[in-house]
Amino acid sequence: MPTDLALKELILRQLPVPRTPEDIRDDTDLLNDLAMDSLALANLLADLEEEFGVDIPASEETLSLLTRYDKFQSYVAARARTAPPEDDA
Protein backbone atom coordinates (compact mmCIF):
# COMPACT_ATOMS: atom_id res chain seq x y z
CA MET A 1 0.00 0.00 0.00
CA PRO A 2 1.43 3.40 -0.91
CA THR A 3 2.33 5.73 1.95
CA ASP A 4 0.90 9.23 2.13
CA LEU A 5 4.17 10.70 0.85
CA ALA A 6 4.47 8.15 -1.98
CA LEU A 7 0.92 8.89 -3.11
CA LYS A 8 1.56 12.64 -3.02
CA GLU A 9 4.76 12.19 -5.04
CA LEU A 10 2.82 10.27 -7.70
CA ILE A 11 0.36 13.15 -7.89
CA LEU A 12 3.13 15.76 -8.04
CA ARG A 13 4.68 14.06 -11.08
CA GLN A 14 1.49 14.72 -13.04
CA LEU A 15 1.15 18.42 -12.28
CA PRO A 16 1.84 21.12 -14.86
CA VAL A 17 3.37 23.42 -12.21
CA PRO A 18 5.96 22.27 -9.64
CA ARG A 19 4.53 21.81 -6.15
CA THR A 20 5.60 20.18 -2.89
CA PRO A 21 3.91 17.42 -0.86
CA GLU A 22 2.93 20.08 1.69
CA ASP A 23 0.75 21.71 -1.00
CA ILE A 24 -1.51 18.65 -0.93
CA ARG A 25 -3.79 18.63 2.11
CA ASP A 26 -6.74 16.37 2.85
CA ASP A 27 -9.19 18.90 1.43
CA THR A 28 -7.14 19.60 -1.71
CA ASP A 29 -9.16 19.24 -4.90
CA LEU A 30 -6.87 17.49 -7.37
CA LEU A 31 -8.59 18.95 -10.42
CA ASN A 32 -9.28 22.52 -9.30
CA ASP A 33 -6.61 23.28 -6.68
CA LEU A 34 -3.76 21.45 -8.46
CA ALA A 35 -4.93 22.01 -12.04
CA MET A 36 -4.86 18.30 -12.94
CA ASP A 37 -6.58 17.54 -16.19
CA SER A 38 -8.15 14.25 -17.27
CA LEU A 39 -4.94 13.09 -18.98
CA ALA A 40 -2.91 13.72 -15.82
CA LEU A 41 -5.49 11.81 -13.79
CA ALA A 42 -5.38 8.88 -16.23
CA ASN A 43 -1.56 8.88 -16.00
CA LEU A 44 -1.81 8.92 -12.21
CA LEU A 45 -4.04 5.83 -12.27
CA ALA A 46 -1.58 4.08 -14.60
CA ASP A 47 1.30 4.95 -12.25
CA LEU A 48 -0.63 3.58 -9.28
CA GLU A 49 -1.14 0.29 -11.04
CA GLU A 50 2.46 0.07 -12.28
CA GLU A 51 4.18 1.03 -9.05
CA PHE A 52 1.85 -0.36 -6.39
CA GLY A 53 -0.38 -2.88 -8.17
CA VAL A 54 -3.47 -0.80 -7.35
CA ASP A 55 -5.95 -0.98 -10.21
CA ILE A 56 -8.58 1.77 -10.24
CA PRO A 57 -11.08 1.66 -13.09
CA ALA A 58 -11.04 4.91 -15.06
CA SER A 59 -14.81 5.22 -15.22
CA GLU A 60 -16.51 8.59 -15.02
CA GLU A 61 -18.29 7.52 -11.83
CA THR A 62 -15.07 6.46 -10.11
CA LEU A 63 -13.14 9.53 -11.19
CA SER A 64 -15.84 11.87 -9.90
CA LEU A 65 -15.38 10.34 -6.43
CA LEU A 66 -11.64 10.89 -6.43
CA THR A 67 -11.22 14.61 -6.89
CA ARG A 68 -10.42 15.39 -3.22
CA TYR A 69 -7.12 14.09 -1.89
CA ASP A 70 -8.60 12.54 1.27
CA LYS A 71 -11.17 10.57 -0.75
CA PHE A 72 -8.53 9.56 -3.28
CA GLN A 73 -6.18 8.38 -0.52
CA SER A 74 -8.94 6.37 1.20
CA TYR A 75 -10.02 4.77 -2.06
CA VAL A 76 -6.45 3.81 -2.95
CA ALA A 77 -5.90 2.34 0.54
CA ALA A 78 -9.08 0.26 0.25
CA ARG A 79 -8.13 -0.99 -3.22
CA ALA A 80 -4.60 -1.81 -2.06
CA ARG A 81 -5.95 -3.95 0.80
CA THR A 82 -8.19 -5.94 -1.56
CA ALA A 83 -5.66 -6.30 -4.38
CA PRO A 84 -4.36 -9.81 -4.96
CA PRO A 85 -0.65 -10.28 -4.18
CA GLU A 86 1.70 -9.71 -7.08
CA ASP A 87 3.15 -12.79 -8.75
CA ASP A 88 6.95 -12.71 -8.58
CA ALA A 89 7.40 -15.65 -10.94
PDB file of N, CA and C in Angstrom:
ATOM      1  N   MET A   1       0.847  -1.170   0.000  1.00  0.00           N
ATOM      2  CA  MET A   1       0.000   0.000   0.000  1.00  0.00           C
ATOM      3  C   MET A   1       0.897   1.240   0.000  1.00  0.00           C
ATOM      4  N   PRO A   2       0.598   2.198  -0.858  1.00  0.00           N
ATOM      5  CA  PRO A   2       1.435   3.401  -0.906  1.00  0.00           C
ATOM      6  C   PRO A   2       1.276   4.250   0.358  1.00  0.00           C
ATOM      7  N   THR A   3       2.380   4.815   0.813  1.00  0.00           N
ATOM      8  CA  THR A   3       2.329   5.734   1.951  1.00  0.00           C
ATOM      9  C   THR A   3       1.744   7.064   1.490  1.00  0.00           C
ATOM     10  N   ASP A   4       1.419   7.907   2.449  1.00  0.00           N
ATOM     11  CA  ASP A   4       0.897   9.235   2.130  1.00  0.00           C
ATOM     12  C   ASP A   4       1.883  10.001   1.253  1.00  0.00           C
ATOM     13  N   LEU A   5       3.153   9.974   1.618  1.00  0.00           N
ATOM     14  CA  LEU A   5       4.170  10.697   0.848  1.00  0.00           C
ATOM     15  C   LEU A   5       4.324  10.106  -0.553  1.00  0.00           C
ATOM     16  N   ALA A   6       4.329   8.790  -0.665  1.00  0.00           N
ATOM     17  CA  ALA A   6       4.469   8.150  -1.978  1.00  0.00           C
ATOM     18  C   ALA A   6       3.298   8.500  -2.883  1.00  0.00           C
ATOM     19  N   LEU A   7       2.103   8.537  -2.323  1.00  0.00           N
ATOM     20  CA  LEU A   7       0.921   8.893  -3.108  1.00  0.00           C
ATOM     21  C   LEU A   7       0.992  10.351  -3.558  1.00  0.00           C
ATOM     22  N   LYS A   8       1.418  11.225  -2.663  1.00  0.00           N
ATOM     23  CA  LYS A   8       1.556  12.640  -3.024  1.00  0.00           C
ATOM     24  C   LYS A   8       2.622  12.822  -4.106  1.00  0.00           C
ATOM     25  N   GLU A   9       3.710  12.076  -4.015  1.00  0.00           N
ATOM     26  CA  GLU A   9       4.762  12.189  -5.036  1.00  0.00           C
ATOM     27  C   GLU A   9       4.267  11.716  -6.399  1.00  0.00           C
ATOM     28  N   LEU A  10       3.421  10.693  -6.429  1.00  0.00           N
ATOM     29  CA  LEU A  10       2.825  10.271  -7.701  1.00  0.00           C
ATOM     30  C   LEU A  10       1.970  11.386  -8.291  1.00  0.00           C
ATOM     31  N   ILE A  11       1.205  12.034  -7.442  1.00  0.00           N
ATOM     32  CA  ILE A  11       0.363  13.148  -7.894  1.00  0.00           C
ATOM     33  C   ILE A  11       1.230  14.288  -8.410  1.00  0.00           C
ATOM     34  N   LEU A  12       2.276  14.627  -7.664  1.00  0.00           N
ATOM     35  CA  LEU A  12       3.133  15.756  -8.040  1.00  0.00           C
ATOM     36  C   LEU A  12       3.780  15.557  -9.411  1.00  0.00           C
ATOM     37  N   ARG A  13       4.084  14.326  -9.766  1.00  0.00           N
ATOM     38  CA  ARG A  13       4.683  14.058 -11.084  1.00  0.00           C
ATOM     39  C   ARG A  13       3.760  14.420 -12.240  1.00  0.00           C
ATOM     40  N   GLN A  14       2.463  14.469 -11.966  1.00  0.00           N
ATOM     41  CA  GLN A  14       1.491  14.719 -13.036  1.00  0.00           C
ATOM     42  C   GLN A  14       1.103  16.189 -13.172  1.00  0.00           C
ATOM     43  N   LEU A  15       1.587  17.024 -12.285  1.00  0.00           N
ATOM     44  CA  LEU A  15       1.146  18.424 -12.278  1.00  0.00           C
ATOM     45  C   LEU A  15       1.897  19.277 -13.288  1.00  0.00           C
ATOM     46  N   PRO A  16       1.191  20.237 -13.884  1.00  0.00           N
ATOM     47  CA  PRO A  16       1.837  21.118 -14.864  1.00  0.00           C
ATOM     48  C   PRO A  16       2.762  22.149 -14.226  1.00  0.00           C
ATOM     49  N   VAL A  17       2.569  22.428 -12.931  1.00  0.00           N
ATOM     50  CA  VAL A  17       3.366  23.418 -12.208  1.00  0.00           C
ATOM     51  C   VAL A  17       4.014  22.719 -11.011  1.00  0.00           C
ATOM     52  N   PRO A  18       5.304  22.928 -10.789  1.00  0.00           N
ATOM     53  CA  PRO A  18       5.964  22.273  -9.643  1.00  0.00           C
ATOM     54  C   PRO A  18       5.302  22.642  -8.322  1.00  0.00           C
ATOM     55  N   ARG A  19       5.101  21.643  -7.485  1.00  0.00           N
ATOM     56  CA  ARG A  19       4.531  21.807  -6.150  1.00  0.00           C
ATOM     57  C   ARG A  19       5.297  20.922  -5.192  1.00  0.00           C
ATOM     58  N   THR A  20       4.980  21.020  -3.913  1.00  0.00           N
ATOM     59  CA  THR A  20       5.597  20.176  -2.891  1.00  0.00           C
ATOM     60  C   THR A  20       4.513  19.317  -2.239  1.00  0.00           C
ATOM     61  N   PRO A  21       4.909  18.249  -1.556  1.00  0.00           N
ATOM     62  CA  PRO A  21       3.909  17.423  -0.863  1.00  0.00           C
ATOM     63  C   PRO A  21       3.072  18.225   0.140  1.00  0.00           C
ATOM     64  N   GLU A  22       3.659  19.254   0.722  1.00  0.00           N
ATOM     65  CA  GLU A  22       2.934  20.077   1.687  1.00  0.00           C
ATOM     66  C   GLU A  22       1.786  20.847   1.040  1.00  0.00           C
ATOM     67  N   ASP A  23       1.833  21.017  -0.285  1.00  0.00           N
ATOM     68  CA  ASP A  23       0.755  21.710  -1.003  1.00  0.00           C
ATOM     69  C   ASP A  23      -0.501  20.852  -1.103  1.00  0.00           C
ATOM     70  N   ILE A  24      -0.375  19.557  -0.823  1.00  0.00           N
ATOM     71  CA  ILE A  24      -1.512  18.650  -0.929  1.00  0.00           C
ATOM     72  C   ILE A  24      -2.000  18.321   0.473  1.00  0.00           C
ATOM     73  N   ARG A  25      -3.158  18.878   0.812  1.00  0.00           N
ATOM     74  CA  ARG A  25      -3.791  18.633   2.112  1.00  0.00           C
ATOM     75  C   ARG A  25      -4.986  17.702   1.892  1.00  0.00           C
ATOM     76  N   ASP A  26      -5.588  17.263   2.972  1.00  0.00           N
ATOM     77  CA  ASP A  26      -6.740  16.365   2.852  1.00  0.00           C
ATOM     78  C   ASP A  26      -7.862  16.967   2.015  1.00  0.00           C
ATOM     79  N   ASP A  27      -8.085  18.269   2.146  1.00  0.00           N
ATOM     80  CA  ASP A  27      -9.190  18.902   1.429  1.00  0.00           C
ATOM     81  C   ASP A  27      -8.789  19.439   0.052  1.00  0.00           C
ATOM     82  N   THR A  28      -7.595  19.127  -0.402  1.00  0.00           N
ATOM     83  CA  THR A  28      -7.138  19.602  -1.712  1.00  0.00           C
ATOM     84  C   THR A  28      -7.936  18.930  -2.818  1.00  0.00           C
ATOM     85  N   ASP A  29      -8.452  19.738  -3.722  1.00  0.00           N
ATOM     86  CA  ASP A  29      -9.157  19.245  -4.900  1.00  0.00           C
ATOM     87  C   ASP A  29      -8.113  19.040  -5.999  1.00  0.00           C
ATOM     88  N   LEU A  30      -7.924  17.797  -6.402  1.00  0.00           N
ATOM     89  CA  LEU A  30      -6.869  17.495  -7.372  1.00  0.00           C
ATOM     90  C   LEU A  30      -7.088  18.209  -8.699  1.00  0.00           C
ATOM     91  N   LEU A  31      -8.322  18.338  -9.119  1.00  0.00           N
ATOM     92  CA  LEU A  31      -8.590  18.954 -10.421  1.00  0.00           C
ATOM     93  C   LEU A  31      -8.531  20.473 -10.355  1.00  0.00           C
ATOM     94  N   ASN A  32      -9.196  21.050  -9.356  1.00  0.00           N
ATOM     95  CA  ASN A  32      -9.276  22.516  -9.304  1.00  0.00           C
ATOM     96  C   ASN A  32      -8.087  23.166  -8.598  1.00  0.00           C
ATOM     97  N   ASP A  33      -7.699  22.660  -7.440  1.00  0.00           N
ATOM     98  CA  ASP A  33      -6.605  23.275  -6.683  1.00  0.00           C
ATOM     99  C   ASP A  33      -5.241  23.011  -7.305  1.00  0.00           C
ATOM    100  N   LEU A  34      -5.065  21.821  -7.899  1.00  0.00           N
ATOM    101  CA  LEU A  34      -3.762  21.451  -8.458  1.00  0.00           C
ATOM    102  C   LEU A  34      -3.724  21.502  -9.981  1.00  0.00           C
ATOM    103  N   ALA A  35      -4.836  21.860 -10.581  1.00  0.00           N
ATOM    104  CA  ALA A  35      -4.927  22.009 -12.040  1.00  0.00           C
ATOM    105  C   ALA A  35      -4.615  20.716 -12.798  1.00  0.00           C
ATOM    106  N   MET A  36      -5.020  19.568 -12.225  1.00  0.00           N
ATOM    107  CA  MET A  36      -4.864  18.299 -12.940  1.00  0.00           C
ATOM    108  C   MET A  36      -5.952  18.216 -13.998  1.00  0.00           C
ATOM    109  N   ASP A  37      -5.571  17.766 -15.168  1.00  0.00           N
ATOM    110  CA  ASP A  37      -6.576  17.536 -16.193  1.00  0.00           C
ATOM    111  C   ASP A  37      -6.850  16.036 -16.295  1.00  0.00           C
ATOM    112  N   SER A  38      -7.762  15.654 -17.175  1.00  0.00           N
ATOM    113  CA  SER A  38      -8.152  14.245 -17.272  1.00  0.00           C
ATOM    114  C   SER A  38      -6.990  13.359 -17.712  1.00  0.00           C
ATOM    115  N   LEU A  39      -6.109  13.867 -18.556  1.00  0.00           N
ATOM    116  CA  LEU A  39      -4.943  13.086 -18.980  1.00  0.00           C
ATOM    117  C   LEU A  39      -4.002  12.847 -17.803  1.00  0.00           C
ATOM    118  N   ALA A  40      -3.768  13.870 -16.993  1.00  0.00           N
ATOM    119  CA  ALA A  40      -2.909  13.717 -15.819  1.00  0.00           C
ATOM    120  C   ALA A  40      -3.514  12.717 -14.841  1.00  0.00           C
ATOM    121  N   LEU A  41      -4.834  12.750 -14.682  1.00  0.00           N
ATOM    122  CA  LEU A  41      -5.490  11.809 -13.787  1.00  0.00           C
ATOM    123  C   LEU A  41      -5.375  10.379 -14.326  1.00  0.00           C
ATOM    124  N   ALA A  42      -5.534  10.205 -15.622  1.00  0.00           N
ATOM    125  CA  ALA A  42      -5.376   8.881 -16.235  1.00  0.00           C
ATOM    126  C   ALA A  42      -3.943   8.377 -16.050  1.00  0.00           C
ATOM    127  N   ASN A  43      -2.965   9.255 -16.217  1.00  0.00           N
ATOM    128  CA  ASN A  43      -1.558   8.875 -16.003  1.00  0.00           C
ATOM    129  C   ASN A  43      -1.302   8.508 -14.549  1.00  0.00           C
ATOM    130  N   LEU A  44      -1.937   9.221 -13.631  1.00  0.00           N
ATOM    131  CA  LEU A  44      -1.807   8.919 -12.212  1.00  0.00           C
ATOM    132  C   LEU A  44      -2.325   7.513 -11.920  1.00  0.00           C
ATOM    133  N   LEU A  45      -3.474   7.167 -12.488  1.00  0.00           N
ATOM    134  CA  LEU A  45      -4.038   5.834 -12.272  1.00  0.00           C
ATOM    135  C   LEU A  45      -3.125   4.757 -12.854  1.00  0.00           C
ATOM    136  N   ALA A  46      -2.523   5.031 -14.007  1.00  0.00           N
ATOM    137  CA  ALA A  46      -1.582   4.077 -14.604  1.00  0.00           C
ATOM    138  C   ALA A  46      -0.345   3.910 -13.721  1.00  0.00           C
ATOM    139  N   ASP A  47       0.152   5.017 -13.159  1.00  0.00           N
ATOM    140  CA  ASP A  47       1.304   4.954 -12.251  1.00  0.00           C
ATOM    141  C   ASP A  47       0.980   4.151 -11.001  1.00  0.00           C
ATOM    142  N   LEU A  48      -0.225   4.332 -10.459  1.00  0.00           N
ATOM    143  CA  LEU A  48      -0.633   3.581  -9.278  1.00  0.00           C
ATOM    144  C   LEU A  48      -0.612   2.080  -9.543  1.00  0.00           C
ATOM    145  N   GLU A  49      -1.118   1.710 -10.703  1.00  0.00           N
ATOM    146  CA  GLU A  49      -1.139   0.292 -11.039  1.00  0.00           C
ATOM    147  C   GLU A  49       0.271  -0.248 -11.251  1.00  0.00           C
ATOM    148  N   GLU A  50       1.092   0.516 -11.969  1.00  0.00           N
ATOM    149  CA  GLU A  50       2.455   0.065 -12.280  1.00  0.00           C
ATOM    150  C   GLU A  50       3.334  -0.030 -11.027  1.00  0.00           C
ATOM    151  N   GLU A  51       3.270   0.975 -10.182  1.00  0.00           N
ATOM    152  CA  GLU A  51       4.183   1.028  -9.046  1.00  0.00           C
ATOM    153  C   GLU A  51       3.698   0.295  -7.802  1.00  0.00           C
ATOM    154  N   PHE A  52       2.373   0.219  -7.627  1.00  0.00           N
ATOM    155  CA  PHE A  52       1.848  -0.364  -6.393  1.00  0.00           C
ATOM    156  C   PHE A  52       0.850  -1.494  -6.625  1.00  0.00           C
ATOM    157  N   GLY A  53       0.559  -1.818  -7.877  1.00  0.00           N
ATOM    158  CA  GLY A  53      -0.384  -2.884  -8.170  1.00  0.00           C
ATOM    159  C   GLY A  53      -1.818  -2.542  -7.812  1.00  0.00           C
ATOM    160  N   VAL A  54      -2.120  -1.249  -7.689  1.00  0.00           N
ATOM    161  CA  VAL A  54      -3.473  -0.802  -7.348  1.00  0.00           C
ATOM    162  C   VAL A  54      -4.186  -0.427  -8.639  1.00  0.00           C
ATOM    163  N   ASP A  55      -5.201  -1.214  -8.973  1.00  0.00           N
ATOM    164  CA  ASP A  55      -5.950  -0.982 -10.209  1.00  0.00           C
ATOM    165  C   ASP A  55      -7.236  -0.230  -9.882  1.00  0.00           C
ATOM    166  N   ILE A  56      -7.365   0.965 -10.426  1.00  0.00           N
ATOM    167  CA  ILE A  56      -8.575   1.767 -10.240  1.00  0.00           C
ATOM    168  C   ILE A  56      -9.203   1.958 -11.610  1.00  0.00           C
ATOM    169  N   PRO A  57     -10.426   1.494 -11.788  1.00  0.00           N
ATOM    170  CA  PRO A  57     -11.078   1.664 -13.087  1.00  0.00           C
ATOM    171  C   PRO A  57     -11.258   3.147 -13.413  1.00  0.00           C
ATOM    172  N   ALA A  58     -10.961   3.501 -14.638  1.00  0.00           N
ATOM    173  CA  ALA A  58     -11.039   4.908 -15.055  1.00  0.00           C
ATOM    174  C   ALA A  58     -12.429   5.250 -15.575  1.00  0.00           C
ATOM    175  N   SER A  59     -13.447   4.886 -14.818  1.00  0.00           N
ATOM    176  CA  SER A  59     -14.810   5.215 -15.219  1.00  0.00           C
ATOM    177  C   SER A  59     -15.143   6.626 -14.739  1.00  0.00           C
ATOM    178  N   GLU A  60     -16.100   7.227 -15.394  1.00  0.00           N
ATOM    179  CA  GLU A  60     -16.507   8.588 -15.021  1.00  0.00           C
ATOM    180  C   GLU A  60     -17.016   8.621 -13.586  1.00  0.00           C
ATOM    181  N   GLU A  61     -17.752   7.592 -13.190  1.00  0.00           N
ATOM    182  CA  GLU A  61     -18.289   7.524 -11.835  1.00  0.00           C
ATOM    183  C   GLU A  61     -17.172   7.452 -10.799  1.00  0.00           C
ATOM    184  N   THR A  62     -16.191   6.606 -11.039  1.00  0.00           N
ATOM    185  CA  THR A  62     -15.075   6.462 -10.105  1.00  0.00           C
ATOM    186  C   THR A  62     -14.267   7.749 -10.037  1.00  0.00           C
ATOM    187  N   LEU A  63     -13.955   8.321 -11.171  1.00  0.00           N
ATOM    188  CA  LEU A  63     -13.136   9.532 -11.194  1.00  0.00           C
ATOM    189  C   LEU A  63     -13.820  10.693 -10.480  1.00  0.00           C
ATOM    190  N   SER A  64     -15.137  10.773 -10.565  1.00  0.00           N
ATOM    191  CA  SER A  64     -15.836  11.865  -9.899  1.00  0.00           C
ATOM    192  C   SER A  64     -15.735  11.752  -8.381  1.00  0.00           C
ATOM    193  N   LEU A  65     -15.528  10.538  -7.869  1.00  0.00           N
ATOM    194  CA  LEU A  65     -15.382  10.337  -6.432  1.00  0.00           C
ATOM    195  C   LEU A  65     -13.984  10.683  -5.931  1.00  0.00           C
ATOM    196  N   LEU A  66     -13.044  10.810  -6.827  1.00  0.00           N
ATOM    197  CA  LEU A  66     -11.643  10.890  -6.432  1.00  0.00           C
ATOM    198  C   LEU A  66     -11.014  12.262  -6.602  1.00  0.00           C
ATOM    199  N   THR A  67     -11.810  13.300  -6.654  1.00  0.00           N
ATOM    200  CA  THR A  67     -11.216  14.614  -6.894  1.00  0.00           C
ATOM    201  C   THR A  67     -10.555  15.205  -5.653  1.00  0.00           C
ATOM    202  N   ARG A  68     -11.059  14.902  -4.466  1.00  0.00           N
ATOM    203  CA  ARG A  68     -10.419  15.394  -3.225  1.00  0.00           C
ATOM    204  C   ARG A  68      -9.357  14.420  -2.784  1.00  0.00           C
ATOM    205  N   TYR A  69      -8.234  14.942  -2.273  1.00  0.00           N
ATOM    206  CA  TYR A  69      -7.124  14.089  -1.885  1.00  0.00           C
ATOM    207  C   TYR A  69      -7.516  13.069  -0.821  1.00  0.00           C
ATOM    208  N   ASP A  70      -8.257  13.482   0.205  1.00  0.00           N
ATOM    209  CA  ASP A  70      -8.603  12.536   1.267  1.00  0.00           C
ATOM    210  C   ASP A  70      -9.435  11.374   0.745  1.00  0.00           C
ATOM    211  N   LYS A  71     -10.356  11.641  -0.167  1.00  0.00           N
ATOM    212  CA  LYS A  71     -11.168  10.572  -0.751  1.00  0.00           C
ATOM    213  C   LYS A  71     -10.314   9.687  -1.656  1.00  0.00           C
ATOM    214  N   PHE A  72      -9.431  10.306  -2.398  1.00  0.00           N
ATOM    215  CA  PHE A  72      -8.528   9.555  -3.276  1.00  0.00           C
ATOM    216  C   PHE A  72      -7.640   8.632  -2.444  1.00  0.00           C
ATOM    217  N   GLN A  73      -7.067   9.157  -1.389  1.00  0.00           N
ATOM    218  CA  GLN A  73      -6.178   8.379  -0.521  1.00  0.00           C
ATOM    219  C   GLN A  73      -6.936   7.205   0.108  1.00  0.00           C
ATOM    220  N   SER A  74      -8.135   7.433   0.602  1.00  0.00           N
ATOM    221  CA  SER A  74      -8.936   6.367   1.202  1.00  0.00           C
ATOM    222  C   SER A  74      -9.293   5.294   0.186  1.00  0.00           C
ATOM    223  N   TYR A  75      -9.664   5.723  -1.012  1.00  0.00           N
ATOM    224  CA  TYR A  75     -10.024   4.775  -2.064  1.00  0.00           C
ATOM    225  C   TYR A  75      -8.824   3.918  -2.451  1.00  0.00           C
ATOM    226  N   VAL A  76      -7.671   4.542  -2.603  1.00  0.00           N
ATOM    227  CA  VAL A  76      -6.450   3.807  -2.955  1.00  0.00           C
ATOM    228  C   VAL A  76      -6.106   2.813  -1.845  1.00  0.00           C
ATOM    229  N   ALA A  77      -6.209   3.235  -0.592  1.00  0.00           N
ATOM    230  CA  ALA A  77      -5.903   2.341   0.536  1.00  0.00           C
ATOM    231  C   ALA A  77      -6.841   1.139   0.537  1.00  0.00           C
ATOM    232  N   ALA A  78      -8.115   1.370   0.284  1.00  0.00           N
ATOM    233  CA  ALA A  78      -9.077   0.262   0.251  1.00  0.00           C
ATOM    234  C   ALA A  78      -8.783  -0.689  -0.904  1.00  0.00           C
ATOM    235  N   ARG A  79      -8.454  -0.147  -2.058  1.00  0.00           N
ATOM    236  CA  ARG A  79      -8.132  -0.992  -3.217  1.00  0.00           C
ATOM    237  C   ARG A  79      -6.835  -1.759  -2.994  1.00  0.00           C
ATOM    238  N   ALA A  80      -5.887  -1.150  -2.319  1.00  0.00           N
ATOM    239  CA  ALA A  80      -4.604  -1.813  -2.060  1.00  0.00           C
ATOM    240  C   ALA A  80      -4.792  -2.995  -1.113  1.00  0.00           C
ATOM    241  N   ARG A  81      -5.690  -2.856  -0.146  1.00  0.00           N
ATOM    242  CA  ARG A  81      -5.945  -3.947   0.796  1.00  0.00           C
ATOM    243  C   ARG A  81      -6.637  -5.125   0.129  1.00  0.00           C
ATOM    244  N   THR A  82      -7.440  -4.865  -0.908  1.00  0.00           N
ATOM    245  CA  THR A  82      -8.189  -5.937  -1.558  1.00  0.00           C
ATOM    246  C   THR A  82      -7.500  -6.471  -2.803  1.00  0.00           C
ATOM    247  N   ALA A  83      -6.381  -5.857  -3.174  1.00  0.00           N
ATOM    248  CA  ALA A  83      -5.664  -6.297  -4.384  1.00  0.00           C
ATOM    249  C   ALA A  83      -5.009  -7.640  -4.124  1.00  0.00           C
ATOM    250  N   PRO A  84      -5.046  -8.527  -5.127  1.00  0.00           N
ATOM    251  CA  PRO A  84      -4.360  -9.808  -4.960  1.00  0.00           C
ATOM    252  C   PRO A  84      -2.845  -9.593  -4.921  1.00  0.00           C
ATOM    253  N   PRO A  85      -2.108 -10.444  -4.222  1.00  0.00           N
ATOM    254  CA  PRO A  85      -0.654 -10.276  -4.176  1.00  0.00           C
ATOM    255  C   PRO A  85      -0.045 -10.419  -5.559  1.00  0.00           C
ATOM    256  N   GLU A  86       1.030  -9.649  -5.782  1.00  0.00           N
ATOM    257  CA  GLU A  86       1.696  -9.707  -7.083  1.00  0.00           C
ATOM    258  C   GLU A  86       2.436 -11.021  -7.227  1.00  0.00           C
ATOM    259  N   ASP A  87       2.462 -11.556  -8.451  1.00  0.00           N
ATOM    260  CA  ASP A  87       3.147 -12.795  -8.753  1.00  0.00           C
ATOM    261  C   ASP A  87       4.582 -12.472  -9.115  1.00  0.00           C
ATOM    262  N   ASP A  88       5.538 -12.990  -8.346  1.00  0.00           N
ATOM    263  CA  ASP A  88       6.955 -12.710  -8.579  1.00  0.00           C
ATOM    264  C   ASP A  88       7.616 -13.724  -9.510  1.00  0.00           C
ATOM    265  N   ALA A  89       6.834 -14.588 -10.093  1.00  0.00           N
ATOM    266  CA  ALA A  89       7.397 -15.650 -10.943  1.00  0.00           C
ATOM    267  C   ALA A  89       7.958 -15.131 -12.220  1.00  0.00           C
TER     268      ALA A  89
END
